[in-house]
C-alpha atoms as a PDB file:
ATOM      1  CA  MET A   1     -62.377 -52.567 -54.837  1.00  0.00           C
ATOM      2  CA  SER A   2     -59.370 -53.991 -56.616  1.00  0.00           C
ATOM      3  CA  LEU A   3     -56.138 -52.090 -56.243  1.00  0.00           C
ATOM      4  CA  THR A   4     -55.163 -50.280 -59.426  1.00  0.00           C
ATOM      5  CA  ARG A   5     -51.968 -48.370 -60.114  1.00  0.00           C
ATOM      6  CA  ARG A   6     -53.817 -45.072 -59.731  1.00  0.00           C
ATOM      7  CA  THR A   7     -55.385 -46.074 -56.427  1.00  0.00           C
ATOM      8  CA  LEU A   8     -52.067 -47.323 -55.126  1.00  0.00           C
ATOM      9  CA  ALA A   9     -50.363 -44.108 -56.256  1.00  0.00           C
ATOM     10  CA  ALA A  10     -52.924 -42.112 -54.283  1.00  0.00           C
ATOM     11  CA  ALA A  11     -52.679 -44.257 -51.142  1.00  0.00           C
ATOM     12  CA  LEU A  12     -48.896 -44.626 -50.883  1.00  0.00           C
ATOM     13  CA  PRO A  13     -48.038 -41.001 -50.045  1.00  0.00           C
ATOM     14  CA  ALA A  14     -50.352 -41.045 -47.010  1.00  0.00           C
ATOM     15  CA  ALA A  15     -48.921 -44.337 -45.762  1.00  0.00           C
ATOM     16  CA  ALA A  16     -45.359 -43.118 -46.274  1.00  0.00           C
ATOM     17  CA  PHE A  17     -46.133 -39.872 -44.458  1.00  0.00           C
ATOM     18  CA  ALA A  18     -47.650 -41.754 -41.508  1.00  0.00           C
ATOM     19  CA  ALA A  19     -44.568 -43.953 -41.189  1.00  0.00           C
ATOM     20  CA  THR A  20     -42.228 -40.966 -41.474  1.00  0.00           C
ATOM     21  CA  ALA A  21     -44.195 -38.998 -38.875  1.00  0.00           C
ATOM     22  CA  ALA A  22     -44.082 -41.892 -36.407  1.00  0.00           C
ATOM     23  CA  HIS A  23     -40.338 -42.300 -36.947  1.00  0.00           C
ATOM     24  CA  ALA A  24     -39.708 -38.561 -36.542  1.00  0.00           C
ATOM     25  CA  MET A  25     -41.636 -38.456 -33.269  1.00  0.00           C
ATOM     26  CA  THR A  26     -39.496 -41.270 -31.869  1.00  0.00           C
ATOM     27  CA  LYS A  27     -36.239 -39.626 -33.014  1.00  0.00           C
ATOM     28  CA  LEU A  28     -37.208 -36.319 -31.410  1.00  0.00           C
ATOM     29  CA  GLY A  29     -37.541 -38.045 -28.069  1.00  0.00           C
ATOM     30  CA  GLN A  30     -41.269 -37.553 -27.892  1.00  0.00           C
ATOM     31  CA  PRO A  31     -43.215 -40.470 -26.517  1.00  0.00           C
ATOM     32  CA  LYS A  32     -44.298 -42.810 -29.270  1.00  0.00           C
ATOM     33  CA  ARG A  33     -48.071 -42.968 -29.530  1.00  0.00           C
ATOM     34  CA  PRO A  34     -50.338 -44.806 -31.908  1.00  0.00           C
ATOM     35  CA  ILE A  35     -51.200 -43.046 -35.141  1.00  0.00           C
ATOM     36  CA  VAL A  36     -54.973 -42.685 -35.370  1.00  0.00           C
ATOM     37  CA  ILE A  37     -56.421 -43.214 -38.844  1.00  0.00           C
ATOM     38  CA  ALA A  38     -60.122 -42.434 -39.208  1.00  0.00           C
ATOM     39  CA  HIS A  39     -61.512 -44.740 -41.877  1.00  0.00           C
ATOM     40  CA  ARG A  40     -64.341 -42.858 -43.628  1.00  0.00           C
ATOM     41  CA  GLY A  41     -64.173 -40.169 -40.917  1.00  0.00           C
ATOM     42  CA  ALA A  42     -65.966 -40.610 -37.599  1.00  0.00           C
ATOM     43  CA  SER A  43     -68.253 -43.100 -39.320  1.00  0.00           C
ATOM     44  CA  GLY A  44     -69.673 -44.569 -36.113  1.00  0.00           C
ATOM     45  CA  LEU A  45     -71.089 -41.163 -35.210  1.00  0.00           C
ATOM     46  CA  ARG A  46     -71.699 -39.455 -38.551  1.00  0.00           C
ATOM     47  CA  PRO A  47     -72.610 -40.658 -42.063  1.00  0.00           C
ATOM     48  CA  GLU A  48     -69.521 -42.075 -43.798  1.00  0.00           C
ATOM     49  CA  HIS A  49     -67.544 -39.854 -46.161  1.00  0.00           C
ATOM     50  CA  THR A  50     -69.316 -36.635 -45.200  1.00  0.00           C
ATOM     51  CA  GLU A  51     -67.755 -33.356 -44.224  1.00  0.00           C
ATOM     52  CA  SER A  52     -69.214 -33.683 -40.725  1.00  0.00           C
ATOM     53  CA  ALA A  53     -67.654 -37.152 -40.330  1.00  0.00           C
ATOM     54  CA  TYR A  54     -64.245 -35.849 -41.419  1.00  0.00           C
ATOM     55  CA  ARG A  55     -64.446 -32.758 -39.185  1.00  0.00           C
ATOM     56  CA  LEU A  56     -65.489 -34.792 -36.139  1.00  0.00           C
ATOM     57  CA  ALA A  57     -62.666 -37.287 -36.703  1.00  0.00           C
ATOM     58  CA  VAL A  58     -60.152 -34.423 -36.784  1.00  0.00           C
ATOM     59  CA  ALA A  59     -61.717 -32.857 -33.665  1.00  0.00           C
ATOM     60  CA  GLN A  60     -61.418 -36.231 -31.927  1.00  0.00           C
ATOM     61  CA  GLY A  61     -57.695 -36.305 -32.678  1.00  0.00           C
ATOM     62  CA  ALA A  62     -57.384 -38.371 -35.849  1.00  0.00           C
ATOM     63  CA  ASP A  63     -53.984 -37.979 -37.476  1.00  0.00           C
ATOM     64  CA  PHE A  64     -55.257 -39.026 -40.905  1.00  0.00           C
ATOM     65  CA  ILE A  65     -58.565 -39.491 -42.709  1.00  0.00           C
ATOM     66  CA  GLU A  66     -58.594 -42.615 -44.872  1.00  0.00           C
ATOM     67  CA  PRO A  67     -61.311 -42.457 -47.538  1.00  0.00           C
ATOM     68  CA  ASP A  68     -62.398 -45.231 -49.903  1.00  0.00           C
ATOM     69  CA  LEU A  69     -61.232 -44.115 -53.331  1.00  0.00           C
ATOM     70  CA  CYS A  70     -62.812 -45.347 -56.546  1.00  0.00           C
ATOM     71  CA  LEU A  71     -62.093 -44.487 -60.155  1.00  0.00           C
ATOM     72  CA  THR A  72     -64.788 -43.329 -62.526  1.00  0.00           C
ATOM     73  CA  LYS A  73     -64.839 -44.509 -66.149  1.00  0.00           C
ATOM     74  CA  ASP A  74     -62.966 -41.371 -67.189  1.00  0.00           C
ATOM     75  CA  GLY A  75     -60.241 -41.911 -64.572  1.00  0.00           C
ATOM     76  CA  ALA A  76     -61.341 -39.322 -62.006  1.00  0.00           C
ATOM     77  CA  MET A  77     -60.854 -40.394 -58.406  1.00  0.00           C
ATOM     78  CA  VAL A  78     -63.935 -40.057 -56.197  1.00  0.00           C
ATOM     79  CA  ILE A  79     -64.671 -40.960 -52.593  1.00  0.00           C
ATOM     80  CA  ARG A  80     -67.237 -43.727 -52.595  1.00  0.00           C
ATOM     81  CA  HIS A  81     -67.758 -46.886 -50.582  1.00  0.00           C
ATOM     82  CA  GLU A  82     -70.308 -48.858 -52.549  1.00  0.00           C
ATOM     83  CA  ASN A  83     -69.823 -50.112 -56.090  1.00  0.00           C
ATOM     84  CA  GLU A  84     -73.552 -49.872 -56.791  1.00  0.00           C
ATOM     85  CA  VAL A  85     -75.196 -46.553 -55.885  1.00  0.00           C
ATOM     86  CA  GLY A  86     -78.811 -47.793 -55.894  1.00  0.00           C
ATOM     87  CA  GLY A  87     -78.746 -48.520 -52.175  1.00  0.00           C
ATOM     88  CA  THR A  88     -77.888 -44.955 -51.193  1.00  0.00           C
ATOM     89  CA  THR A  89     -79.448 -42.865 -53.956  1.00  0.00           C
ATOM     90  CA  ASP A  90     -82.702 -42.677 -55.904  1.00  0.00           C
ATOM     91  CA  VAL A  91     -80.868 -43.183 -59.196  1.00  0.00           C
ATOM     92  CA  ALA A  92     -83.202 -46.046 -60.209  1.00  0.00           C
ATOM     93  CA  SER A  93     -86.406 -44.013 -59.702  1.00  0.00           C
ATOM     94  CA  PRO A  94     -86.600 -42.002 -62.931  1.00  0.00           C
ATOM     95  CA  PRO A  95     -87.914 -44.077 -65.875  1.00  0.00           C
ATOM     96  CA  GLU A  96     -85.026 -42.909 -68.079  1.00  0.00           C
ATOM     97  CA  SER A  97     -82.577 -44.727 -65.799  1.00  0.00           C
ATOM     98  CA  ASP A  98     -83.917 -48.126 -66.935  1.00  0.00           C
ATOM     99  CA  ALA A  99     -81.783 -47.885 -70.068  1.00  0.00           C
ATOM    100  CA  ARG A 100     -78.665 -47.440 -67.930  1.00  0.00           C
ATOM    101  CA  LYS A 101     -79.131 -50.573 -65.837  1.00  0.00           C
ATOM    102  CA  THR A 102     -76.185 -52.902 -66.296  1.00  0.00           C
ATOM    103  CA  THR A 103     -74.362 -55.879 -64.818  1.00  0.00           C
ATOM    104  CA  LYS A 104     -70.658 -55.623 -63.940  1.00  0.00           C
ATOM    105  CA  VAL A 105     -68.110 -57.753 -62.128  1.00  0.00           C
ATOM    106  CA  SER A 106     -66.189 -56.033 -59.335  1.00  0.00           C
ATOM    107  CA  GLY A 107     -63.725 -57.898 -57.158  1.00  0.00           C
ATOM    108  CA  GLY A 108     -65.069 -61.180 -58.476  1.00  0.00           C
ATOM    109  CA  GLU A 109     -68.652 -60.285 -57.477  1.00  0.00           C
ATOM    110  CA  THR A 110     -71.405 -59.782 -60.052  1.00  0.00           C
ATOM    111  CA  ILE A 111     -73.304 -56.558 -59.362  1.00  0.00           C
ATOM    112  CA  GLU A 112     -76.451 -55.335 -61.105  1.00  0.00           C
ATOM    113  CA  GLY A 113     -77.655 -51.781 -60.890  1.00  0.00           C
END
């Protein structure tokens, strides 16, 4: 996914908070420890970007959950890893979806779906 202004605007507050929290812990005299960021939740143990993956990551001590954010055509931010949803959904099954098949370029890669 290419970094857009909207994506960057969404990601920067979390990064700034993580840096501030680490600095505050050091100033308070507490032992400095690594900040644990769970990318897509506890994705090695649960399906990525699911509530159970996020809950398990928090239960395991993650300080932050870092989702993959994508923008829809209308500018809404959604959590999604793949650019093409055919691999994880049955979107191509209904005959009416044939008319929606398209080819796009994302991150320099041509994707059809």
